[in-house]
Amino acid sequence: YKDSVKGRFTISRDNAKNTVYLQMSNVKPEDTAVYY
């Protein structure tokens, strides 16, 4: 993880569903962005 999101964001994947997730918690205004 990028240092500024450690402890707040969690990336995970489900290969059976061909899906990757980003769980974002305790978000901050500086997290505002287009996520790719």
PDB file of all heavy atoms in Angstrom:
ATOM      1  N   TYR A   1       0.816  -1.202   0.000  1.00  0.00           N
ATOM      2  CA  TYR A   1       0.000   0.000   0.000  1.00  0.00           C
ATOM      3  C   TYR A   1       0.851   1.254   0.000  1.00  0.00           C
ATOM      4  O   TYR A   1       1.965   1.275   0.539  1.00  0.00           O
ATOM      5  CB  TYR A   1      -0.895   0.049   1.240  1.00  0.00           C
ATOM      6  CG  TYR A   1      -1.866  -1.098   1.350  1.00  0.00           C
ATOM      7  CD1 TYR A   1      -1.523  -2.271   2.019  1.00  0.00           C
ATOM      8  CD2 TYR A   1      -3.132  -1.006   0.785  1.00  0.00           C
ATOM      9  CE1 TYR A   1      -2.415  -3.324   2.115  1.00  0.00           C
ATOM     10  CE2 TYR A   1      -4.026  -2.056   0.878  1.00  0.00           C
ATOM     11  CZ  TYR A   1      -3.664  -3.211   1.541  1.00  0.00           C
ATOM     12  OH  TYR A   1      -4.556  -4.250   1.629  1.00  0.00           O
ATOM     13  N   LYS A   2       0.292   2.287  -0.576  1.00  0.00           N
ATOM     14  CA  LYS A   2       0.838   3.616  -0.406  1.00  0.00           C
ATOM     15  C   LYS A   2       0.792   3.952   1.084  1.00  0.00           C
ATOM     16  O   LYS A   2      -0.193   3.660   1.765  1.00  0.00           O
ATOM     17  CB  LYS A   2       0.010   4.612  -1.214  1.00  0.00           C
ATOM     18  CG  LYS A   2       0.401   6.059  -1.071  1.00  0.00           C
ATOM     19  CD  LYS A   2      -0.495   6.931  -1.927  1.00  0.00           C
ATOM     20  CE  LYS A   2      -0.240   8.402  -1.668  1.00  0.00           C
ATOM     21  NZ  LYS A   2       1.138   8.794  -2.064  1.00  0.00           N
ATOM     22  N   ASP A   3       1.837   4.585   1.588  1.00  0.00           N
ATOM     23  CA  ASP A   3       1.938   4.836   3.023  1.00  0.00           C
ATOM     24  C   ASP A   3       0.728   5.574   3.589  1.00  0.00           C
ATOM     25  O   ASP A   3       0.250   5.268   4.684  1.00  0.00           O
ATOM     26  CB  ASP A   3       3.207   5.632   3.340  1.00  0.00           C
ATOM     27  CG  ASP A   3       4.461   4.798   3.268  1.00  0.00           C
ATOM     28  OD1 ASP A   3       4.357   3.559   3.251  1.00  0.00           O
ATOM     29  OD2 ASP A   3       5.555   5.389   3.231  1.00  0.00           O
ATOM     30  N   SER A   4       0.211   6.534   2.854  1.00  0.00           N
ATOM     31  CA  SER A   4      -0.859   7.373   3.371  1.00  0.00           C
ATOM     32  C   SER A   4      -2.202   6.643   3.504  1.00  0.00           C
ATOM     33  O   SER A   4      -3.120   7.162   4.132  1.00  0.00           O
ATOM     34  CB  SER A   4      -1.036   8.618   2.505  1.00  0.00           C
ATOM     35  OG  SER A   4      -1.431   8.283   1.195  1.00  0.00           O
ATOM     36  N   VAL A   5      -2.323   5.460   2.918  1.00  0.00           N
ATOM     37  CA  VAL A   5      -3.577   4.716   3.027  1.00  0.00           C
ATOM     38  C   VAL A   5      -3.448   3.472   3.889  1.00  0.00           C
ATOM     39  O   VAL A   5      -4.450   2.792   4.142  1.00  0.00           O
ATOM     40  CB  VAL A   5      -4.144   4.325   1.640  1.00  0.00           C
ATOM     41  CG1 VAL A   5      -4.214   5.543   0.735  1.00  0.00           C
ATOM     42  CG2 VAL A   5      -3.335   3.211   0.999  1.00  0.00           C
ATOM     43  N   LYS A   6      -2.254   3.167   4.366  1.00  0.00           N
ATOM     44  CA  LYS A   6      -2.055   1.994   5.207  1.00  0.00           C
ATOM     45  C   LYS A   6      -2.925   2.075   6.453  1.00  0.00           C
ATOM     46  O   LYS A   6      -2.983   3.101   7.119  1.00  0.00           O
ATOM     47  CB  LYS A   6      -0.588   1.852   5.604  1.00  0.00           C
ATOM     48  CG  LYS A   6       0.323   1.434   4.471  1.00  0.00           C
ATOM     49  CD  LYS A   6       1.771   1.317   4.928  1.00  0.00           C
ATOM     50  CE  LYS A   6       2.674   0.873   3.796  1.00  0.00           C
ATOM     51  NZ  LYS A   6       4.094   0.825   4.210  1.00  0.00           N
ATOM     52  N   GLY A   7      -3.582   0.973   6.765  1.00  0.00           N
ATOM     53  CA  GLY A   7      -4.472   0.934   7.907  1.00  0.00           C
ATOM     54  C   GLY A   7      -5.861   1.429   7.617  1.00  0.00           C
ATOM     55  O   GLY A   7      -6.763   1.263   8.443  1.00  0.00           O
ATOM     56  N   ARG A   8      -6.062   2.055   6.471  1.00  0.00           N
ATOM     57  CA  ARG A   8      -7.372   2.574   6.095  1.00  0.00           C
ATOM     58  C   ARG A   8      -7.970   1.846   4.893  1.00  0.00           C
ATOM     59  O   ARG A   8      -9.181   1.629   4.834  1.00  0.00           O
ATOM     60  CB  ARG A   8      -7.292   4.067   5.787  1.00  0.00           C
ATOM     61  CG  ARG A   8      -6.795   4.912   6.951  1.00  0.00           C
ATOM     62  CD  ARG A   8      -6.963   6.405   6.673  1.00  0.00           C
ATOM     63  NE  ARG A   8      -6.179   6.836   5.517  1.00  0.00           N
ATOM     64  CZ  ARG A   8      -6.708   7.324   4.388  1.00  0.00           C
ATOM     65  NH1 ARG A   8      -8.027   7.452   4.269  1.00  0.00           N
ATOM     66  NH2 ARG A   8      -5.920   7.705   3.389  1.00  0.00           N
ATOM     67  N   PHE A   9      -7.126   1.480   3.939  1.00  0.00           N
ATOM     68  CA  PHE A   9      -7.590   0.804   2.731  1.00  0.00           C
ATOM     69  C   PHE A   9      -7.149  -0.652   2.745  1.00  0.00           C
ATOM     70  O   PHE A   9      -6.075  -0.988   3.257  1.00  0.00           O
ATOM     71  CB  PHE A   9      -7.014   1.458   1.474  1.00  0.00           C
ATOM     72  CG  PHE A   9      -7.511   2.845   1.177  1.00  0.00           C
ATOM     73  CD1 PHE A   9      -8.334   3.536   2.052  1.00  0.00           C
ATOM     74  CD2 PHE A   9      -7.144   3.457  -0.011  1.00  0.00           C
ATOM     75  CE1 PHE A   9      -8.783   4.814   1.769  1.00  0.00           C
ATOM     76  CE2 PHE A   9      -7.588   4.734  -0.314  1.00  0.00           C
ATOM     77  CZ  PHE A   9      -8.402   5.409   0.571  1.00  0.00           C
ATOM     78  N   THR A  10      -7.957  -1.511   2.154  1.00  0.00           N
ATOM     79  CA  THR A  10      -7.622  -2.916   2.010  1.00  0.00           C
ATOM     80  C   THR A  10      -7.931  -3.370   0.593  1.00  0.00           C
ATOM     81  O   THR A  10      -9.058  -3.217   0.124  1.00  0.00           O
ATOM     82  CB  THR A  10      -8.401  -3.791   3.002  1.00  0.00           C
ATOM     83  OG1 THR A  10      -8.123  -3.382   4.342  1.00  0.00           O
ATOM     84  CG2 THR A  10      -8.010  -5.255   2.843  1.00  0.00           C
ATOM     85  N   ILE A  11      -6.931  -3.928  -0.070  1.00  0.00           N
ATOM     86  CA  ILE A  11      -7.141  -4.506  -1.392  1.00  0.00           C
ATOM     87  C   ILE A  11      -7.332  -6.014  -1.242  1.00  0.00           C
ATOM     88  O   ILE A  11      -6.671  -6.660  -0.425  1.00  0.00           O
ATOM     89  CB  ILE A  11      -5.977  -4.177  -2.352  1.00  0.00           C
ATOM     90  CG1 ILE A  11      -6.296  -4.633  -3.780  1.00  0.00           C
ATOM     91  CG2 ILE A  11      -4.658  -4.760  -1.856  1.00  0.00           C
ATOM     92  CD1 ILE A  11      -5.276  -4.143  -4.813  1.00  0.00           C
ATOM     93  N   SER A  12      -8.240  -6.565  -2.010  1.00  0.00           N
ATOM     94  CA  SER A  12      -8.474  -8.000  -1.988  1.00  0.00           C
ATOM     95  C   SER A  12      -8.902  -8.443  -3.374  1.00  0.00           C
ATOM     96  O   SER A  12      -9.251  -7.626  -4.224  1.00  0.00           O
ATOM     97  CB  SER A  12      -9.530  -8.374  -0.943  1.00  0.00           C
ATOM     98  OG  SER A  12     -10.777  -7.755  -1.227  1.00  0.00           O
ATOM     99  N   ARG A  13      -8.876  -9.751  -3.598  1.00  0.00           N
ATOM    100  CA  ARG A  13      -9.295 -10.271  -4.890  1.00  0.00           C
ATOM    101  C   ARG A  13     -10.062 -11.561  -4.715  1.00  0.00           C
ATOM    102  O   ARG A  13      -9.846 -12.319  -3.760  1.00  0.00           O
ATOM    103  CB  ARG A  13      -8.085 -10.480  -5.818  1.00  0.00           C
ATOM    104  CG  ARG A  13      -7.111 -11.562  -5.369  1.00  0.00           C
ATOM    105  CD  ARG A  13      -5.825 -11.514  -6.192  1.00  0.00           C
ATOM    106  NE  ARG A  13      -6.064 -11.824  -7.599  1.00  0.00           N
ATOM    107  CZ  ARG A  13      -5.241 -11.506  -8.590  1.00  0.00           C
ATOM    108  NH1 ARG A  13      -4.119 -10.828  -8.331  1.00  0.00           N
ATOM    109  NH2 ARG A  13      -5.538 -11.845  -9.843  1.00  0.00           N
ATOM    110  N   ASP A  14     -10.953 -11.817  -5.643  1.00  0.00           N
ATOM    111  CA  ASP A  14     -11.718 -13.047  -5.688  1.00  0.00           C
ATOM    112  C   ASP A  14     -11.535 -13.608  -7.088  1.00  0.00           C
ATOM    113  O   ASP A  14     -12.179 -13.158  -8.034  1.00  0.00           O
ATOM    114  CB  ASP A  14     -13.189 -12.793  -5.379  1.00  0.00           C
ATOM    115  CG  ASP A  14     -14.006 -14.060  -5.268  1.00  0.00           C
ATOM    116  OD1 ASP A  14     -13.592 -15.102  -5.811  1.00  0.00           O
ATOM    117  OD2 ASP A  14     -15.079 -14.020  -4.635  1.00  0.00           O
ATOM    118  N   ASN A  15     -10.637 -14.574  -7.210  1.00  0.00           N
ATOM    119  CA  ASN A  15     -10.316 -15.105  -8.532  1.00  0.00           C
ATOM    120  C   ASN A  15     -11.495 -15.836  -9.174  1.00  0.00           C
ATOM    121  O   ASN A  15     -11.606 -15.882 -10.395  1.00  0.00           O
ATOM    122  CB  ASN A  15      -9.106 -16.037  -8.445  1.00  0.00           C
ATOM    123  CG  ASN A  15      -7.813 -15.288  -8.189  1.00  0.00           C
ATOM    124  OD1 ASN A  15      -7.714 -14.089  -8.434  1.00  0.00           O
ATOM    125  ND2 ASN A  15      -6.814 -16.000  -7.695  1.00  0.00           N
ATOM    126  N   ALA A  16     -12.366 -16.405  -8.359  1.00  0.00           N
ATOM    127  CA  ALA A  16     -13.539 -17.085  -8.889  1.00  0.00           C
ATOM    128  C   ALA A  16     -14.508 -16.116  -9.549  1.00  0.00           C
ATOM    129  O   ALA A  16     -15.281 -16.498 -10.428  1.00  0.00           O
ATOM    130  CB  ALA A  16     -14.247 -17.865  -7.788  1.00  0.00           C
ATOM    131  N   LYS A  17     -14.472 -14.861  -9.119  1.00  0.00           N
ATOM    132  CA  LYS A  17     -15.350 -13.838  -9.672  1.00  0.00           C
ATOM    133  C   LYS A  17     -14.624 -12.864 -10.585  1.00  0.00           C
ATOM    134  O   LYS A  17     -15.238 -11.904 -11.068  1.00  0.00           O
ATOM    135  CB  LYS A  17     -16.023 -13.065  -8.544  1.00  0.00           C
ATOM    136  CG  LYS A  17     -16.947 -13.901  -7.678  1.00  0.00           C
ATOM    137  CD  LYS A  17     -17.591 -13.056  -6.595  1.00  0.00           C
ATOM    138  CE  LYS A  17     -18.543 -13.886  -5.755  1.00  0.00           C
ATOM    139  NZ  LYS A  17     -19.169 -13.081  -4.680  1.00  0.00           N
ATOM    140  N   ASN A  18     -13.333 -13.095 -10.812  1.00  0.00           N
ATOM    141  CA  ASN A  18     -12.517 -12.187 -11.624  1.00  0.00           C
ATOM    142  C   ASN A  18     -12.656 -10.744 -11.157  1.00  0.00           C
ATOM    143  O   ASN A  18     -12.792  -9.814 -11.967  1.00  0.00           O
ATOM    144  CB  ASN A  18     -12.892 -12.288 -13.104  1.00  0.00           C
ATOM    145  CG  ASN A  18     -12.388 -13.551 -13.762  1.00  0.00           C
ATOM    146  OD1 ASN A  18     -11.719 -14.374 -13.142  1.00  0.00           O
ATOM    147  ND2 ASN A  18     -12.713 -13.720 -15.037  1.00  0.00           N
ATOM    148  N   THR A  19     -12.601 -10.560  -9.856  1.00  0.00           N
ATOM    149  CA  THR A  19     -12.869  -9.250  -9.282  1.00  0.00           C
ATOM    150  C   THR A  19     -11.810  -8.868  -8.257  1.00  0.00           C
ATOM    151  O   THR A  19     -11.388  -9.698  -7.450  1.00  0.00           O
ATOM    152  CB  THR A  19     -14.254  -9.217  -8.626  1.00  0.00           C
ATOM    153  OG1 THR A  19     -15.246  -9.551  -9.597  1.00  0.00           O
ATOM    154  CG2 THR A  19     -14.561  -7.836  -8.066  1.00  0.00           C
ATOM    155  N   VAL A  20     -11.404  -7.615  -8.308  1.00  0.00           N
ATOM    156  CA  VAL A  20     -10.533  -7.050  -7.291  1.00  0.00           C
ATOM    157  C   VAL A  20     -11.288  -5.920  -6.604  1.00  0.00           C
ATOM    158  O   VAL A  20     -12.057  -5.193  -7.247  1.00  0.00           O
ATOM    159  CB  VAL A  20      -9.189  -6.563  -7.886  1.00  0.00           C
ATOM    160  CG1 VAL A  20      -9.401  -5.452  -8.908  1.00  0.00           C
ATOM    161  CG2 VAL A  20      -8.238  -6.119  -6.784  1.00  0.00           C
ATOM    162  N   TYR A  21     -11.077  -5.785  -5.304  1.00  0.00           N
ATOM    163  CA  TYR A  21     -11.787  -4.805  -4.505  1.00  0.00           C
ATOM    164  C   TYR A  21     -10.814  -3.852  -3.824  1.00  0.00           C
ATOM    165  O   TYR A  21      -9.673  -4.198  -3.556  1.00  0.00           O
ATOM    166  CB  TYR A  21     -12.608  -5.485  -3.411  1.00  0.00           C
ATOM    167  CG  TYR A  21     -13.577  -6.528  -3.899  1.00  0.00           C
ATOM    168  CD1 TYR A  21     -13.215  -7.867  -3.943  1.00  0.00           C
ATOM    169  CD2 TYR A  21     -14.854  -6.172  -4.315  1.00  0.00           C
ATOM    170  CE1 TYR A  21     -14.102  -8.833  -4.390  1.00  0.00           C
ATOM    171  CE2 TYR A  21     -15.744  -7.128  -4.760  1.00  0.00           C
ATOM    172  CZ  TYR A  21     -15.367  -8.454  -4.798  1.00  0.00           C
ATOM    173  OH  TYR A  21     -16.252  -9.409  -5.240  1.00  0.00           O
ATOM    174  N   LEU A  22     -11.301  -2.677  -3.522  1.00  0.00           N
ATOM    175  CA  LEU A  22     -10.591  -1.764  -2.648  1.00  0.00           C
ATOM    176  C   LEU A  22     -11.573  -1.285  -1.590  1.00  0.00           C
ATOM    177  O   LEU A  22     -12.476  -0.507  -1.894  1.00  0.00           O
ATOM    178  CB  LEU A  22     -10.010  -0.573  -3.408  1.00  0.00           C
ATOM    179  CG  LEU A  22      -9.139   0.364  -2.572  1.00  0.00           C
ATOM    180  CD1 LEU A  22      -7.846  -0.334  -2.154  1.00  0.00           C
ATOM    181  CD2 LEU A  22      -8.825   1.646  -3.337  1.00  0.00           C
ATOM    182  N   GLN A  23     -11.397  -1.773  -0.375  1.00  0.00           N
ATOM    183  CA  GLN A  23     -12.212  -1.330   0.743  1.00  0.00           C
ATOM    184  C   GLN A  23     -11.563  -0.089   1.327  1.00  0.00           C
ATOM    185  O   GLN A  23     -10.425  -0.136   1.794  1.00  0.00           O
ATOM    186  CB  GLN A  23     -12.315  -2.424   1.802  1.00  0.00           C
ATOM    187  CG  GLN A  23     -13.095  -2.025   3.049  1.00  0.00           C
ATOM    188  CD  GLN A  23     -14.552  -1.761   2.761  1.00  0.00           C
ATOM    189  OE1 GLN A  23     -15.218  -2.592   2.136  1.00  0.00           O
ATOM    190  NE2 GLN A  23     -15.059  -0.615   3.196  1.00  0.00           N
ATOM    191  N   MET A  24     -12.279   1.007   1.292  1.00  0.00           N
ATOM    192  CA  MET A  24     -11.779   2.283   1.767  1.00  0.00           C
ATOM    193  C   MET A  24     -12.509   2.651   3.043  1.00  0.00           C
ATOM    194  O   MET A  24     -13.731   2.781   3.049  1.00  0.00           O
ATOM    195  CB  MET A  24     -11.989   3.371   0.714  1.00  0.00           C
ATOM    196  CG  MET A  24     -11.395   3.028  -0.650  1.00  0.00           C
ATOM    197  SD  MET A  24     -11.927   4.159  -1.964  1.00  0.00           S
ATOM    198  CE  MET A  24     -11.274   5.706  -1.373  1.00  0.00           C
ATOM    199  N   SER A  25     -11.759   2.818   4.122  1.00  0.00           N
ATOM    200  CA  SER A  25     -12.334   3.176   5.410  1.00  0.00           C
ATOM    201  C   SER A  25     -11.672   4.441   5.930  1.00  0.00           C
ATOM    202  O   SER A  25     -10.542   4.761   5.565  1.00  0.00           O
ATOM    203  CB  SER A  25     -12.147   2.045   6.420  1.00  0.00           C
ATOM    204  OG  SER A  25     -12.782   0.857   5.991  1.00  0.00           O
ATOM    205  N   ASN A  26     -12.398   5.133   6.814  1.00  0.00           N
ATOM    206  CA  ASN A  26     -11.885   6.384   7.377  1.00  0.00           C
ATOM    207  C   ASN A  26     -11.326   7.284   6.281  1.00  0.00           C
ATOM    208  O   ASN A  26     -10.204   7.784   6.367  1.00  0.00           O
ATOM    209  CB  ASN A  26     -10.825   6.097   8.439  1.00  0.00           C
ATOM    210  CG  ASN A  26     -10.446   7.323   9.239  1.00  0.00           C
ATOM    211  OD1 ASN A  26     -11.228   8.270   9.368  1.00  0.00           O
ATOM    212  ND2 ASN A  26      -9.227   7.322   9.777  1.00  0.00           N
ATOM    213  N   VAL A  27     -12.122   7.498   5.271  1.00  0.00           N
ATOM    214  CA  VAL A  27     -11.646   8.275   4.125  1.00  0.00           C
ATOM    215  C   VAL A  27     -11.440   9.739   4.497  1.00  0.00           C
ATOM    216  O   VAL A  27     -12.078  10.260   5.410  1.00  0.00           O
ATOM    217  CB  VAL A  27     -12.591   8.151   2.920  1.00  0.00           C
ATOM    218  CG1 VAL A  27     -12.617   6.712   2.425  1.00  0.00           C
ATOM    219  CG2 VAL A  27     -13.992   8.631   3.263  1.00  0.00           C
ATOM    220  N   LYS A  28     -10.537  10.371   3.769  1.00  0.00           N
ATOM    221  CA  LYS A  28     -10.173  11.753   3.990  1.00  0.00           C
ATOM    222  C   LYS A  28     -10.397  12.545   2.705  1.00  0.00           C
ATOM    223  O   LYS A  28     -10.400  11.975   1.619  1.00  0.00           O
ATOM    224  CB  LYS A  28      -8.702  11.853   4.411  1.00  0.00           C
ATOM    225  CG  LYS A  28      -8.357  11.058   5.654  1.00  0.00           C
ATOM    226  CD  LYS A  28      -6.871  11.123   5.955  1.00  0.00           C
ATOM    227  CE  LYS A  28      -6.529  10.340   7.203  1.00  0.00           C
ATOM    228  NZ  LYS A  28      -5.081  10.401   7.510  1.00  0.00           N
ATOM    229  N   PRO A  29     -10.557  13.861   2.824  1.00  0.00           N
ATOM    230  CA  PRO A  29     -10.748  14.664   1.614  1.00  0.00           C
ATOM    231  C   PRO A  29      -9.639  14.468   0.582  1.00  0.00           C
ATOM    232  O   PRO A  29      -9.917  14.514  -0.626  1.00  0.00           O
ATOM    233  CB  PRO A  29     -10.759  16.099   2.153  1.00  0.00           C
ATOM    234  CG  PRO A  29     -11.314  15.967   3.524  1.00  0.00           C
ATOM    235  CD  PRO A  29     -10.739  14.679   4.043  1.00  0.00           C
ATOM    236  N   GLU A  30      -8.420  14.237   1.027  1.00  0.00           N
ATOM    237  CA  GLU A  30      -7.314  14.032   0.107  1.00  0.00           C
ATOM    238  C   GLU A  30      -7.383  12.707  -0.636  1.00  0.00           C
ATOM    239  O   GLU A  30      -6.582  12.463  -1.548  1.00  0.00           O
ATOM    240  CB  GLU A  30      -5.961  14.164   0.825  1.00  0.00           C
ATOM    241  CG  GLU A  30      -5.826  13.300   2.058  1.00  0.00           C
ATOM    242  CD  GLU A  30      -6.127  14.057   3.343  1.00  0.00           C
ATOM    243  OE1 GLU A  30      -7.098  14.838   3.360  1.00  0.00           O
ATOM    244  OE2 GLU A  30      -5.385  13.864   4.326  1.00  0.00           O
ATOM    245  N   ASP A  31      -8.323  11.846  -0.274  1.00  0.00           N
ATOM    246  CA  ASP A  31      -8.555  10.617  -1.023  1.00  0.00           C
ATOM    247  C   ASP A  31      -9.395  10.856  -2.274  1.00  0.00           C
ATOM    248  O   ASP A  31      -9.563   9.941  -3.086  1.00  0.00           O
ATOM    249  CB  ASP A  31      -9.249   9.571  -0.155  1.00  0.00           C
ATOM    250  CG  ASP A  31      -8.402   9.103   1.009  1.00  0.00           C
ATOM    251  OD1 ASP A  31      -7.166   8.972   0.841  1.00  0.00           O
ATOM    252  OD2 ASP A  31      -8.970   8.858   2.092  1.00  0.00           O
ATOM    253  N   THR A  32      -9.932  12.044  -2.411  1.00  0.00           N
ATOM    254  CA  THR A  32     -10.733  12.366  -3.584  1.00  0.00           C
ATOM    255  C   THR A  32      -9.909  12.213  -4.853  1.00  0.00           C
ATOM    256  O   THR A  32      -8.846  12.815  -4.994  1.00  0.00           O
ATOM    257  CB  THR A  32     -11.270  13.800  -3.492  1.00  0.00           C
ATOM    258  OG1 THR A  32     -12.170  13.898  -2.384  1.00  0.00           O
ATOM    259  CG2 THR A  32     -12.014  14.186  -4.763  1.00  0.00           C
ATOM    260  N   ALA A  33     -10.394  11.393  -5.762  1.00  0.00           N
ATOM    261  CA  ALA A  33      -9.659  11.112  -6.991  1.00  0.00           C
ATOM    262  C   ALA A  33     -10.491  10.190  -7.867  1.00  0.00           C
ATOM    263  O   ALA A  33     -11.477   9.601  -7.423  1.00  0.00           O
ATOM    264  CB  ALA A  33      -8.317  10.441  -6.679  1.00  0.00           C
ATOM    265  N   VAL A  34     -10.069  10.060  -9.105  1.00  0.00           N
ATOM    266  CA  VAL A  34     -10.555   8.983  -9.947  1.00  0.00           C
ATOM    267  C   VAL A  34      -9.692   7.766  -9.669  1.00  0.00           C
ATOM    268  O   VAL A  34      -8.464   7.843  -9.744  1.00  0.00           O
ATOM    269  CB  VAL A  34     -10.501   9.346 -11.441  1.00  0.00           C
ATOM    270  CG1 VAL A  34     -10.939   8.161 -12.294  1.00  0.00           C
ATOM    271  CG2 VAL A  34     -11.387  10.552 -11.724  1.00  0.00           C
ATOM    272  N   TYR A  35     -10.325   6.669  -9.333  1.00  0.00           N
ATOM    273  CA  TYR A  35      -9.617   5.441  -9.002  1.00  0.00           C
ATOM    274  C   TYR A  35      -9.664   4.485 -10.187  1.00  0.00           C
ATOM    275  O   TYR A  35     -10.734   4.210 -10.735  1.00  0.00           O
ATOM    276  CB  TYR A  35     -10.229   4.785  -7.763  1.00  0.00           C
ATOM    277  CG  TYR A  35      -9.833   5.482  -6.485  1.00  0.00           C
ATOM    278  CD1 TYR A  35     -10.364   6.732  -6.173  1.00  0.00           C
ATOM    279  CD2 TYR A  35      -8.917   4.910  -5.604  1.00  0.00           C
ATOM    280  CE1 TYR A  35      -9.984   7.393  -5.017  1.00  0.00           C
ATOM    281  CE2 TYR A  35      -8.540   5.558  -4.449  1.00  0.00           C
ATOM    282  CZ  TYR A  35      -9.076   6.802  -4.158  1.00  0.00           C
ATOM    283  OH  TYR A  35      -8.702   7.458  -2.995  1.00  0.00           O
ATOM    284  N   TYR A  36      -8.490   3.980 -10.559  1.00  0.00           N
ATOM    285  CA  TYR A  36      -8.351   3.119 -11.726  1.00  0.00           C
ATOM    286  C   TYR A  36      -7.887   1.726 -11.324  1.00  0.00           C
ATOM    287  O   TYR A  36      -6.986   1.572 -10.496  1.00  0.00           O
ATOM    288  CB  TYR A  36      -7.330   3.696 -12.704  1.00  0.00           C
ATOM    289  CG  TYR A  36      -7.708   5.030 -13.292  1.00  0.00           C
ATOM    290  CD1 TYR A  36      -7.283   6.214 -12.706  1.00  0.00           C
ATOM    291  CD2 TYR A  36      -8.481   5.106 -14.445  1.00  0.00           C
ATOM    292  CE1 TYR A  36      -7.625   7.437 -13.246  1.00  0.00           C
ATOM    293  CE2 TYR A  36      -8.824   6.327 -14.995  1.00  0.00           C
ATOM    294  CZ  TYR A  36      -8.392   7.493 -14.390  1.00  0.00           C
ATOM    295  OH  TYR A  36      -8.724   8.705 -14.929  1.00  0.00           O
TER     296      TYR A  36
END
